[in-house]
Amino acid sequence: MNKHCRETINDGHTYTQIPCPSAGRGRAKEVQGTSTRAAARARPYYTLHGGLSGAFVYSRGVPLRPPWGGALLFALALFLFPLSASAHAMTATGRIYGQLLDGTKRNAPVAGQSVTLQMAQGDNARDLTNVTTDAHGKFSFGGLNTDKTINYALYTLYQGAQYYTDLIDLSTRPVQQINLTIYDATTSIANIAIVQANVLIDKADAQNSLITISENYIFENLGPTTYVGSLQANGSKPNALRFSLPKNARNVSLKSGFDGYQVIQVDAGFATDAAVPPGMSQFAFSFQAPYTTSSYDFSYTIVYPTVNLSLLVPLNMHASSAAMDSQVPVNANQRTFQQFNAKKLLAETQIHVQLDGLPVSQDAANPQPLNQNTLWIVLAILFMLAIVSMTWLMYRLSRRRATIGQKQTSQTSRRSGGAVAEGWGPLGRPSSNDALPSQKDQQESLLQELLNLDKTFEAGTIKKSEYEERRTRTKAELRSLMSKDFVEESAIIKKTARNSGKGAT
């Protein structure tokens, strides 16, 4: 390995730099082969359910298989135009055999493990059969079709990880020995890093105000074991392979590396139980991020130590970032992009890229004025609120005036009651009938004063101590007046009785 193809991050590990000036090309082919191997098996697809404003849940779909109609047509064709025995014998002479080896244990044979043979033809792939390795870890598949349009692949599931071979073409060599290497599983991420992370700002949809962003990662596992995470959170973040997403990301589409594994949402990103075996592994996905103006702050979080981060931005956008260096433009997907790079990034590092010059739709740039009917409805509501407020204010003012009038009336009654009481002589009779009211009027005035006093207290306009003092004083005056009235009536009754006695004699 060329020494210039290695990079060291502060965690003490040395990782492969991609692309490598000389010797790294073979490693890149291995990564490319990993993606190709995935295409040879039945690809489960992932669909997005109810994803609104970044909330998303993935579910595994059915693998790609030929429709029943195609199978029936194929069987009918064989019935009408049967192949000759010699032709069938020539195309069914293929054989694949080999050993299942444990790379963690220095390629020790693995016995009693199921190995599956898969066939791919065109865009369709399906499992043909599976066998169990013998005591020496050996397996064999015979009677295989050697047509040049057919490819094969071997895979096995071991300790939560999936292992595949490259595509196998039997058209030129009908019999081939293919060994499949597996590794023991670990839950530690100490030996995992991203040697190359590529972020592509693909395009901006002005009509829907969405930016399409694609991300591609090449992981390197320097340890002898396969990292296998778990999506069981147990109240915290799951110990699984995690990827960050910007706020409100939506329409996430999973690509290479996620086939056959589960994915769940975690915080602003997502996690997967996909395995990372020793060596290099590739993962890719895309998503869309909403924007409201011609500027957008793209926030990127480093989840794992990253040797090299590349950001590609279309030429019609202006990008700037304090954490990344601008490079010469590059060509990708038959387009030219601005390039920004950052190296040797530690986990939890935040990268911000300011994007300007995004296309904005006319509706967003020039919002339509309020509809005429809507405007009239708003004005009517405001008018009704004004009427209600004025009515409530007038009601409060009238209540306050009534309370003040009652207080003044009670005070006047008390003063007049005192004057009347002072004008009564020792015999219980008024000194002047013209100047003083009658006893009955005084009693009614005092009773009215008590009633007004109770209402005033219930309204909360006087304190309890003042209320009790005034009520006691008024009741005392009323009792005194009633007592005087009783004495006067008794005297009148006695006088009447004496006069009656005199007349009788």
Protein backbone atom coordinates (compact mmCIF):
# COMPACT_ATOMS: atom_id res chain seq x y z
CA MET A 1 0.00 0.00 0.00
CA ASN A 2 1.35 3.40 -0.97
CA LYS A 3 2.12 5.40 2.16
CA HIS A 4 0.44 8.45 0.60
CA CYS A 5 -2.85 6.52 0.58
CA ARG A 6 -3.16 6.61 4.37
CA GLU A 7 -4.57 9.30 6.63
CA THR A 8 -4.42 9.50 10.44
CA ILE A 9 -7.15 11.08 12.56
CA ASN A 10 -6.67 12.22 16.15
CA ASP A 11 -8.24 9.00 17.44
CA GLY A 12 -4.93 7.23 16.65
CA HIS A 13 -6.13 5.06 13.75
CA THR A 14 -4.80 5.19 10.20
CA TYR A 15 -7.45 5.01 7.46
CA THR A 16 -7.31 4.56 3.71
CA GLN A 17 -7.66 7.73 1.69
CA ILE A 18 -10.13 7.47 -1.23
CA PRO A 19 -9.32 7.92 -4.06
CA CYS A 20 -5.72 6.76 -3.70
CA PRO A 21 -3.15 8.12 -6.20
CA SER A 22 -1.84 4.66 -7.06
CA ALA A 23 -2.63 1.58 -5.01
CA GLY A 24 -6.06 2.72 -3.83
CA ARG A 25 -7.79 1.87 -7.10
CA GLY A 26 -8.12 -1.78 -6.22
CA ARG A 27 -9.79 -0.92 -2.92
CA ALA A 28 -12.26 1.26 -4.75
CA LYS A 29 -13.14 -1.69 -6.98
CA GLU A 30 -13.86 -3.73 -3.90
CA VAL A 31 -16.31 -1.10 -2.72
CA GLN A 32 -17.83 -0.98 -6.18
CA GLY A 33 -18.13 -4.73 -6.12
CA THR A 34 -20.03 -4.57 -2.87
CA SER A 35 -22.66 -2.43 -4.55
CA THR A 36 -22.77 -4.77 -7.54
CA ARG A 37 -23.19 -7.82 -5.32
CA ALA A 38 -26.21 -6.24 -3.73
CA ALA A 39 -27.77 -5.90 -7.18
CA ALA A 40 -27.46 -9.63 -7.69
CA ARG A 41 -29.76 -10.54 -4.85
CA ALA A 42 -33.47 -9.96 -4.36
CA ARG A 43 -33.53 -6.28 -3.49
CA PRO A 44 -36.07 -5.38 -0.85
CA TYR A 45 -37.30 -1.85 -1.34
CA TYR A 46 -38.14 0.73 1.29
CA THR A 47 -41.15 3.02 1.29
CA LEU A 48 -41.84 6.18 3.25
CA HIS A 49 -45.04 6.24 5.33
CA GLY A 50 -46.56 9.48 6.56
CA GLY A 51 -43.33 11.44 6.41
CA LEU A 52 -44.19 15.04 7.34
CA SER A 53 -41.53 17.58 8.27
CA GLY A 54 -38.82 15.03 8.84
CA ALA A 55 -40.96 12.40 10.60
CA PHE A 56 -40.56 9.17 8.72
CA VAL A 57 -40.80 5.40 9.17
CA TYR A 58 -39.41 2.85 6.78
CA SER A 59 -40.85 -0.57 6.10
CA ARG A 60 -39.35 -3.39 4.17
CA GLY A 61 -41.15 -4.31 0.96
CA VAL A 62 -41.30 -7.54 -1.00
CA PRO A 63 -38.24 -8.59 -3.03
CA LEU A 64 -38.24 -8.15 -6.77
CA ARG A 65 -39.61 -11.32 -8.37
CA PRO A 66 -41.02 -12.10 -11.83
CA PRO A 67 -44.81 -11.64 -11.98
CA TRP A 68 -46.98 -14.77 -12.07
CA GLY A 69 -48.07 -13.90 -15.60
CA GLY A 70 -44.46 -14.06 -16.80
CA ALA A 71 -43.95 -17.44 -15.12
CA LEU A 72 -47.07 -18.83 -16.81
CA LEU A 73 -45.97 -17.57 -20.23
CA PHE A 74 -42.54 -19.10 -19.69
CA ALA A 75 -44.08 -22.46 -18.76
CA LEU A 76 -46.41 -22.30 -21.79
CA ALA A 77 -43.46 -21.59 -24.07
CA LEU A 78 -41.61 -24.62 -22.70
CA PHE A 79 -44.69 -26.76 -23.30
CA LEU A 80 -45.15 -25.60 -26.91
CA PHE A 81 -41.46 -25.47 -27.81
CA PRO A 82 -39.65 -28.00 -25.61
CA LEU A 83 -35.87 -27.83 -25.52
CA SER A 84 -33.92 -30.76 -26.73
CA ALA A 85 -32.26 -32.98 -24.16
CA SER A 86 -28.83 -32.18 -25.50
CA ALA A 87 -29.37 -28.42 -25.24
CA HIS A 88 -30.62 -28.72 -21.67
CA ALA A 89 -27.67 -30.87 -20.75
CA MET A 90 -25.28 -28.29 -22.19
CA THR A 91 -26.75 -25.39 -20.16
CA ALA A 92 -27.19 -27.24 -16.82
CA THR A 93 -23.61 -28.34 -16.30
CA GLY A 94 -22.56 -25.52 -14.02
CA ARG A 95 -21.31 -26.03 -10.47
CA ILE A 96 -20.26 -23.71 -7.68
CA TYR A 97 -18.48 -25.06 -4.61
CA GLY A 98 -16.30 -23.69 -1.86
CA GLN A 99 -15.78 -23.12 1.86
CA LEU A 100 -17.31 -20.81 4.45
CA LEU A 101 -14.41 -19.28 6.42
CA ASP A 102 -14.30 -17.20 9.62
CA GLY A 103 -11.95 -14.27 8.97
CA THR A 104 -11.87 -13.34 12.66
CA LYS A 105 -10.44 -16.77 13.49
CA ARG A 106 -7.79 -16.78 10.76
CA ASN A 107 -10.10 -18.28 8.13
CA ALA A 108 -11.17 -21.24 10.23
CA PRO A 109 -13.92 -23.34 8.53
CA VAL A 110 -17.46 -22.64 9.72
CA ALA A 111 -19.60 -25.77 10.03
CA GLY A 112 -23.39 -26.01 10.20
CA GLN A 113 -24.04 -22.61 8.61
CA SER A 114 -26.67 -22.09 5.89
CA VAL A 115 -25.44 -20.73 2.54
CA THR A 116 -27.92 -19.53 -0.10
CA LEU A 117 -27.45 -19.54 -3.88
CA GLN A 118 -29.09 -16.69 -5.72
CA MET A 119 -29.68 -16.30 -9.45
CA ALA A 120 -29.94 -12.97 -11.29
CA GLN A 121 -31.15 -12.48 -14.84
CA GLY A 122 -31.72 -8.99 -16.14
CA ASP A 123 -33.38 -6.90 -13.43
CA ASN A 124 -34.82 -9.93 -11.62
CA ALA A 125 -33.20 -11.93 -8.85
CA ARG A 126 -34.38 -14.82 -6.72
CA ASP A 127 -33.09 -17.41 -4.28
CA LEU A 128 -32.59 -20.81 -5.91
CA THR A 129 -31.65 -23.06 -3.01
CA ASN A 130 -29.59 -23.23 0.15
CA VAL A 131 -27.32 -25.83 1.75
CA THR A 132 -25.70 -26.29 5.15
CA THR A 133 -21.93 -26.41 5.37
CA ASP A 134 -20.38 -29.71 6.46
CA ALA A 135 -17.87 -30.27 9.24
CA HIS A 136 -15.14 -28.69 7.09
CA GLY A 137 -17.26 -25.67 6.19
CA LYS A 138 -17.73 -26.88 2.59
CA PHE A 139 -20.76 -26.36 0.36
CA SER A 140 -21.65 -27.20 -3.24
CA PHE A 141 -24.36 -26.28 -5.78
CA GLY A 142 -24.66 -28.33 -9.00
CA GLY A 143 -26.82 -28.57 -12.12
CA LEU A 144 -26.65 -24.82 -12.75
CA ASN A 145 -27.54 -23.07 -15.98
CA THR A 146 -24.48 -21.68 -17.76
CA ASP A 147 -26.31 -19.25 -20.05
CA LYS A 148 -24.42 -15.99 -20.44
CA THR A 149 -27.48 -13.96 -19.45
CA ILE A 150 -27.51 -15.56 -15.98
CA ASN A 151 -25.32 -14.66 -13.02
CA TYR A 152 -25.12 -16.19 -9.56
CA ALA A 153 -24.16 -15.02 -6.10
CA LEU A 154 -23.73 -16.67 -2.70
CA TYR A 155 -24.79 -15.11 0.58
CA THR A 156 -25.24 -16.06 4.21
CA LEU A 157 -26.58 -14.43 7.37
CA TYR A 158 -24.23 -14.75 10.34
CA GLN A 159 -24.62 -13.11 13.78
CA GLY A 160 -26.87 -10.38 12.39
CA ALA A 161 -24.72 -9.49 9.37
CA GLN A 162 -25.12 -10.38 5.68
CA TYR A 163 -22.17 -11.57 3.62
CA TYR A 164 -22.13 -11.81 -0.20
CA THR A 165 -19.86 -12.90 -2.99
CA ASP A 166 -19.24 -11.08 -6.25
CA LEU A 167 -21.34 -11.99 -9.29
CA ILE A 168 -20.44 -15.42 -10.66
CA ASP A 169 -20.60 -15.98 -14.43
CA LEU A 170 -20.58 -19.68 -15.45
CA SER A 171 -20.83 -19.07 -19.22
CA THR A 172 -17.04 -19.25 -19.71
CA ARG A 173 -16.10 -21.41 -16.71
CA PRO A 174 -18.95 -23.77 -15.79
CA VAL A 175 -17.26 -25.02 -12.61
CA GLN A 176 -15.86 -22.53 -10.12
CA GLN A 177 -14.61 -22.61 -6.54
CA ILE A 178 -15.87 -19.64 -4.54
CA ASN A 179 -15.05 -19.18 -0.87
CA LEU A 180 -17.18 -16.93 1.33
CA THR A 181 -15.60 -15.21 4.34
CA ILE A 182 -17.58 -14.15 7.39
CA TYR A 183 -16.54 -12.43 10.63
CA ASP A 184 -17.56 -12.53 14.26
CA ALA A 185 -19.84 -9.68 15.33
CA THR A 186 -19.06 -6.81 17.70
CA THR A 187 -21.07 -3.86 19.00
CA SER A 188 -18.04 -1.57 19.37
CA ILE A 189 -17.52 1.32 16.92
CA ALA A 190 -13.93 1.95 18.04
CA ASN A 191 -12.46 0.73 14.74
CA ILE A 192 -14.97 2.41 12.40
CA ALA A 193 -14.42 5.65 10.49
CA ILE A 194 -15.56 7.32 7.29
CA VAL A 195 -12.68 7.58 4.85
CA GLN A 196 -14.71 9.51 2.27
CA ALA A 197 -17.99 11.38 2.62
CA ASN A 198 -19.53 12.99 -0.47
CA VAL A 199 -22.44 15.44 -0.21
CA LEU A 200 -24.00 16.50 -3.51
CA ILE A 201 -26.40 19.46 -3.63
CA ASP A 202 -28.24 18.14 -6.64
CA LYS A 203 -30.97 20.60 -7.59
CA ALA A 204 -33.52 23.02 -6.20
CA ASP A 205 -37.23 22.72 -6.96
CA ALA A 206 -38.52 26.30 -7.00
CA GLN A 207 -42.18 25.26 -7.34
CA ASN A 208 -42.14 23.16 -4.15
CA SER A 209 -39.21 24.99 -2.47
CA LEU A 210 -37.23 21.78 -1.95
CA ILE A 211 -33.51 21.06 -2.35
CA THR A 212 -32.51 17.52 -3.32
CA ILE A 213 -29.33 16.37 -1.56
CA SER A 214 -27.47 13.08 -2.09
CA GLU A 215 -24.93 11.66 0.36
CA ASN A 216 -22.45 8.83 -0.22
CA TYR A 217 -20.22 7.31 2.46
CA ILE A 218 -17.29 4.90 2.35
CA PHE A 219 -16.70 3.33 5.77
CA GLU A 220 -13.55 1.51 6.76
CA ASN A 221 -13.47 -1.03 9.57
CA LEU A 222 -9.90 -1.57 10.76
CA GLY A 223 -10.82 -4.31 13.23
CA PRO A 224 -11.07 -8.11 12.76
CA THR A 225 -14.78 -8.19 13.60
CA THR A 226 -17.97 -6.94 11.94
CA TYR A 227 -19.80 -4.08 13.58
CA VAL A 228 -23.44 -5.10 14.05
CA GLY A 229 -25.67 -2.59 15.75
CA SER A 230 -29.06 -2.92 17.39
CA LEU A 231 -32.13 -0.73 17.00
CA GLN A 232 -33.28 -1.46 20.56
CA ALA A 233 -32.96 1.97 22.17
CA ASN A 234 -33.89 1.16 25.82
CA GLY A 235 -34.61 4.81 26.56
CA SER A 236 -31.55 6.24 24.78
CA LYS A 237 -30.05 6.35 21.30
CA PRO A 238 -29.69 2.87 19.78
CA ASN A 239 -26.21 1.44 19.35
CA ALA A 240 -26.53 1.25 15.57
CA LEU A 241 -25.11 2.84 12.45
CA ARG A 242 -26.40 6.44 12.44
CA PHE A 243 -26.69 9.14 9.78
CA SER A 244 -27.55 12.79 10.38
CA LEU A 245 -30.11 14.83 8.45
CA PRO A 246 -30.78 18.58 8.43
CA LYS A 247 -33.87 19.92 10.16
CA ASN A 248 -37.20 19.11 8.49
CA ALA A 249 -35.62 16.72 5.96
CA ARG A 250 -38.18 14.64 4.07
CA ASN A 251 -38.60 12.14 1.21
CA VAL A 252 -35.58 10.08 2.29
CA SER A 253 -34.61 7.48 -0.34
CA LEU A 254 -32.24 4.67 0.69
CA LYS A 255 -29.81 3.31 -1.87
CA SER A 256 -26.74 1.07 -1.64
CA GLY A 257 -25.79 -0.57 1.65
CA PHE A 258 -29.25 -0.70 3.24
CA ASP A 259 -30.71 -3.74 1.43
CA GLY A 260 -32.13 -6.31 3.84
CA TYR A 261 -31.70 -4.12 6.93
CA GLN A 262 -34.11 -2.10 9.05
CA VAL A 263 -34.12 1.69 9.42
CA ILE A 264 -35.71 3.86 12.13
CA GLN A 265 -35.80 7.60 12.84
CA VAL A 266 -33.43 8.83 15.54
CA ASP A 267 -33.51 12.51 16.55
CA ALA A 268 -32.99 14.55 13.37
CA GLY A 269 -31.48 11.62 11.44
CA PHE A 270 -31.93 7.87 11.19
CA ALA A 271 -30.29 4.66 12.35
CA THR A 272 -29.92 1.25 10.70
CA ASP A 273 -28.85 -2.19 11.86
CA ALA A 274 -26.76 -2.57 8.69
CA ALA A 275 -23.41 -4.26 9.35
CA VAL A 276 -19.93 -2.88 8.66
CA PRO A 277 -17.51 -5.81 8.07
CA PRO A 278 -13.70 -5.45 8.13
CA GLY A 279 -12.48 -3.50 5.13
CA MET A 280 -14.59 -1.00 3.24
CA SER A 281 -18.37 -0.64 2.95
CA GLN A 282 -20.46 1.86 1.01
CA PHE A 283 -23.74 3.51 1.97
CA ALA A 284 -25.75 6.03 -0.05
CA PHE A 285 -29.07 7.83 0.30
CA SER A 286 -30.80 11.04 -0.76
CA PHE A 287 -33.39 13.38 0.76
CA GLN A 288 -35.05 16.74 0.27
CA ALA A 289 -34.79 19.81 2.49
CA PRO A 290 -37.36 22.66 2.42
CA TYR A 291 -36.37 26.31 2.05
CA THR A 292 -38.40 29.52 2.10
CA THR A 293 -36.09 32.19 0.67
CA SER A 294 -33.25 32.36 -1.82
CA SER A 295 -30.82 31.53 1.02
CA TYR A 296 -30.48 28.26 2.96
CA ASP A 297 -28.20 27.26 5.84
CA PHE A 298 -27.23 23.61 5.27
CA SER A 299 -26.28 22.05 8.60
CA TYR A 300 -24.19 18.86 8.58
CA THR A 301 -23.22 16.84 11.67
CA ILE A 302 -20.19 14.54 11.69
CA VAL A 303 -21.36 11.30 13.34
CA TYR A 304 -18.15 9.27 12.93
CA PRO A 305 -14.52 10.38 12.51
CA THR A 306 -14.18 11.42 8.86
CA VAL A 307 -10.93 11.49 6.89
CA ASN A 308 -12.23 13.55 3.97
CA LEU A 309 -15.53 15.39 3.39
CA SER A 310 -16.39 16.70 -0.08
CA LEU A 311 -19.30 19.00 -0.86
CA LEU A 312 -20.43 19.56 -4.45
CA VAL A 313 -22.64 22.56 -5.27
CA PRO A 314 -24.13 23.51 -8.68
CA LEU A 315 -22.53 26.46 -10.42
CA ASN A 316 -25.78 28.45 -10.36
CA MET A 317 -25.68 28.56 -6.54
CA HIS A 318 -23.29 30.50 -4.36
CA ALA A 319 -21.87 28.52 -1.42
CA SER A 320 -19.67 29.58 1.47
CA SER A 321 -18.46 27.77 4.58
CA ALA A 322 -15.98 28.76 7.27
CA ALA A 323 -15.14 25.09 7.97
CA MET A 324 -14.49 23.98 4.36
CA ASP A 325 -11.94 25.02 1.72
CA SER A 326 -12.97 25.86 -1.82
CA GLN A 327 -11.40 23.66 -4.53
CA VAL A 328 -11.34 23.67 -8.32
CA PRO A 329 -14.65 22.71 -9.99
CA VAL A 330 -15.20 19.01 -10.75
CA ASN A 331 -17.43 17.06 -13.15
CA ALA A 332 -19.97 14.59 -11.79
CA ASN A 333 -23.08 13.10 -13.38
CA GLN A 334 -22.22 14.95 -16.61
CA ARG A 335 -22.43 18.28 -14.77
CA THR A 336 -19.89 20.71 -13.34
CA PHE A 337 -19.95 21.48 -9.62
CA GLN A 338 -18.16 23.75 -7.21
CA GLN A 339 -16.13 21.67 -4.77
CA PHE A 340 -15.47 22.25 -1.05
CA ASN A 341 -13.29 19.99 1.11
CA ALA A 342 -12.62 19.43 4.80
CA LYS A 343 -10.23 16.87 6.28
CA LYS A 344 -9.73 15.00 9.54
CA LEU A 345 -13.05 15.79 11.18
CA LEU A 346 -13.89 14.40 14.61
CA ALA A 347 -17.28 13.06 15.65
CA GLU A 348 -19.97 15.61 16.70
CA THR A 349 -18.35 18.36 14.61
CA GLN A 350 -20.87 20.78 13.10
CA ILE A 351 -20.43 21.98 9.52
CA HIS A 352 -22.52 24.88 8.17
CA VAL A 353 -22.71 25.79 4.50
CA GLN A 354 -24.54 28.93 3.42
CA LEU A 355 -26.30 28.50 0.08
CA ASP A 356 -27.42 31.61 -1.79
CA GLY A 357 -29.08 32.17 -5.12
CA LEU A 358 -31.73 29.48 -4.75
CA PRO A 359 -34.64 29.79 -7.17
CA VAL A 360 -37.84 31.04 -5.57
CA SER A 361 -41.31 30.70 -7.12
CA GLN A 362 -43.32 33.82 -7.95
CA ASP A 363 -45.95 32.87 -5.37
CA ALA A 364 -43.34 32.74 -2.63
CA ALA A 365 -41.60 35.92 -3.75
CA ASN A 366 -44.83 37.90 -4.22
CA PRO A 367 -47.50 36.62 -1.84
CA GLN A 368 -51.04 37.27 -3.05
CA PRO A 369 -53.08 39.97 -1.21
CA LEU A 370 -55.99 38.98 0.96
CA ASN A 371 -59.13 37.93 -0.82
CA GLN A 372 -61.86 40.63 -0.84
CA ASN A 373 -64.33 38.38 1.00
CA THR A 374 -61.70 37.46 3.57
CA LEU A 375 -60.97 41.14 4.17
CA TRP A 376 -64.66 41.93 4.76
CA ILE A 377 -64.97 39.01 7.18
CA VAL A 378 -61.97 40.24 9.16
CA LEU A 379 -63.41 43.78 9.33
CA ALA A 380 -66.82 42.45 10.47
CA ILE A 381 -65.19 40.45 13.26
CA LEU A 382 -63.22 43.49 14.41
CA PHE A 383 -66.40 45.61 14.40
CA MET A 384 -68.28 43.04 16.49
CA LEU A 385 -65.42 42.90 18.97
CA ALA A 386 -65.51 46.69 19.26
CA ILE A 387 -69.28 46.64 19.99
CA VAL A 388 -68.89 43.96 22.64
CA SER A 389 -66.05 45.88 24.29
CA MET A 390 -68.06 49.13 24.41
CA THR A 391 -71.12 47.33 25.80
CA TRP A 392 -69.06 45.74 28.55
CA LEU A 393 -67.43 49.09 29.40
CA MET A 394 -70.82 50.84 29.67
CA TYR A 395 -72.16 48.06 31.86
CA ARG A 396 -69.21 48.37 34.22
CA LEU A 397 -69.65 52.14 34.42
CA SER A 398 -73.39 51.85 35.22
CA ARG A 399 -72.68 49.32 37.95
CA ARG A 400 -70.11 51.61 39.50
CA ARG A 401 -72.49 54.61 39.45
CA ALA A 402 -75.28 52.55 41.06
CA THR A 403 -72.93 51.45 43.81
CA ILE A 404 -71.82 55.02 44.50
CA GLY A 405 -75.50 56.20 44.60
CA GLN A 406 -76.39 53.48 47.09
CA LYS A 407 -73.52 54.50 49.36
CA GLN A 408 -74.60 58.15 49.25
CA THR A 409 -78.26 57.20 50.00
CA SER A 410 -77.27 55.09 52.98
CA GLN A 411 -75.12 57.89 54.40
CA THR A 412 -77.95 60.42 53.97
CA SER A 413 -80.42 58.02 55.66
CA ARG A 414 -78.09 57.56 58.57
CA ARG A 415 -77.69 61.31 59.05
CA SER A 416 -81.45 61.92 58.83
CA GLY A 417 -82.13 59.02 61.17
CA GLY A 418 -79.80 60.49 63.76
CA ALA A 419 -81.45 63.90 63.54
CA VAL A 420 -84.90 62.38 64.00
CA ALA A 421 -83.72 60.41 66.96
CA GLU A 422 -82.36 63.54 68.55
CA GLY A 423 -85.75 65.37 68.05
CA TRP A 424 -87.76 62.92 70.10
CA GLY A 425 -88.74 63.96 73.59
CA PRO A 426 -88.60 61.89 76.76
CA LEU A 427 -92.19 60.78 76.27
CA GLY A 428 -91.48 59.28 72.85
CA ARG A 429 -93.18 62.00 70.84
CA PRO A 430 -91.66 64.35 68.28
CA SER A 431 -91.07 67.88 69.32
CA SER A 432 -92.27 69.21 65.95
CA ASN A 433 -94.51 67.21 63.60
CA ASP A 434 -93.60 69.39 60.63
CA ALA A 435 -89.80 69.08 61.02
CA LEU A 436 -89.38 65.39 61.82
CA PRO A 437 -90.65 62.30 59.99
CA SER A 438 -92.89 59.74 61.65
CA GLN A 439 -91.53 56.72 63.49
CA LYS A 440 -92.76 54.41 60.74
CA ASP A 441 -90.80 56.36 58.12
CA GLN A 442 -87.68 56.20 60.26
CA GLN A 443 -88.00 52.43 60.68
CA GLU A 444 -88.42 51.94 56.93
CA SER A 445 -85.40 54.17 56.29
CA LEU A 446 -83.25 52.13 58.66
CA LEU A 447 -84.43 48.84 57.11
CA GLN A 448 -83.61 50.18 53.64
CA GLU A 449 -80.20 51.24 54.90
CA LEU A 450 -79.53 47.69 56.16
CA LEU A 451 -80.59 46.28 52.77
CA ASN A 452 -78.37 48.69 50.86
CA LEU A 453 -75.50 47.92 53.20
CA ASP A 454 -75.82 44.15 52.53
CA LYS A 455 -75.88 44.72 48.77
CA THR A 456 -72.84 46.99 48.95
CA PHE A 457 -70.89 44.35 50.91
CA GLU A 458 -71.90 41.60 48.49
CA ALA A 459 -70.70 43.76 45.62
CA GLY A 460 -67.31 44.02 47.34
CA THR A 461 -67.19 47.81 47.45
CA ILE A 462 -66.63 48.06 51.25
CA LYS A 463 -64.48 46.12 53.64
CA LYS A 464 -65.86 43.54 56.02
CA SER A 465 -64.86 45.50 59.13
CA GLU A 466 -66.64 48.65 57.93
CA TYR A 467 -69.67 46.60 56.90
CA GLU A 468 -69.98 44.92 60.32
CA GLU A 469 -69.52 48.24 62.21
CA ARG A 470 -72.15 50.09 60.17
CA ARG A 471 -74.58 47.15 60.28
CA THR A 472 -74.30 46.89 64.09
CA ARG A 473 -74.84 50.62 64.55
CA THR A 474 -77.84 50.68 62.21
CA LYS A 475 -79.44 47.67 63.91
CA ALA A 476 -78.96 49.32 67.29
CA GLU A 477 -80.73 52.46 66.06
CA LEU A 478 -83.55 50.34 64.65
CA ARG A 479 -83.99 48.45 67.94
CA SER A 480 -84.01 51.72 69.90
CA LEU A 481 -86.63 53.20 67.60
CA MET A 482 -88.80 50.08 67.77
CA SER A 483 -88.48 50.08 71.58
CA LYS A 484 -89.62 53.73 71.80
CA ASP A 485 -92.52 52.95 69.48
CA PHE A 486 -93.56 50.07 71.69
CA VAL A 487 -93.46 52.29 74.83
CA GLU A 488 -95.55 54.98 73.13
CA GLU A 489 -98.15 52.50 71.93
CA SER A 490 -98.41 51.03 75.45
CA ALA A 491 -99.00 54.49 76.93
CA ILE A 492 -101.70 55.23 74.36
CA ILE A 493 -103.45 51.92 75.12
CA LYS A 494 -103.40 52.62 78.89
CA LYS A 495 -104.70 56.14 78.38
CA THR A 496 -107.51 54.86 76.18
CA ALA A 497 -108.43 52.28 78.79
CA ARG A 498 -108.62 54.92 81.57
CA ASN A 499 -110.81 57.16 79.44
CA SER A 500 -113.10 54.27 78.72
CA GLY A 501 -113.35 53.49 82.47
CA LYS A 502 -114.30 57.07 83.27
CA GLY A 503 -117.05 57.10 80.66
CA ALA A 504 -118.52 53.90 82.08
CA THR A 505 -118.79 55.33 85.58
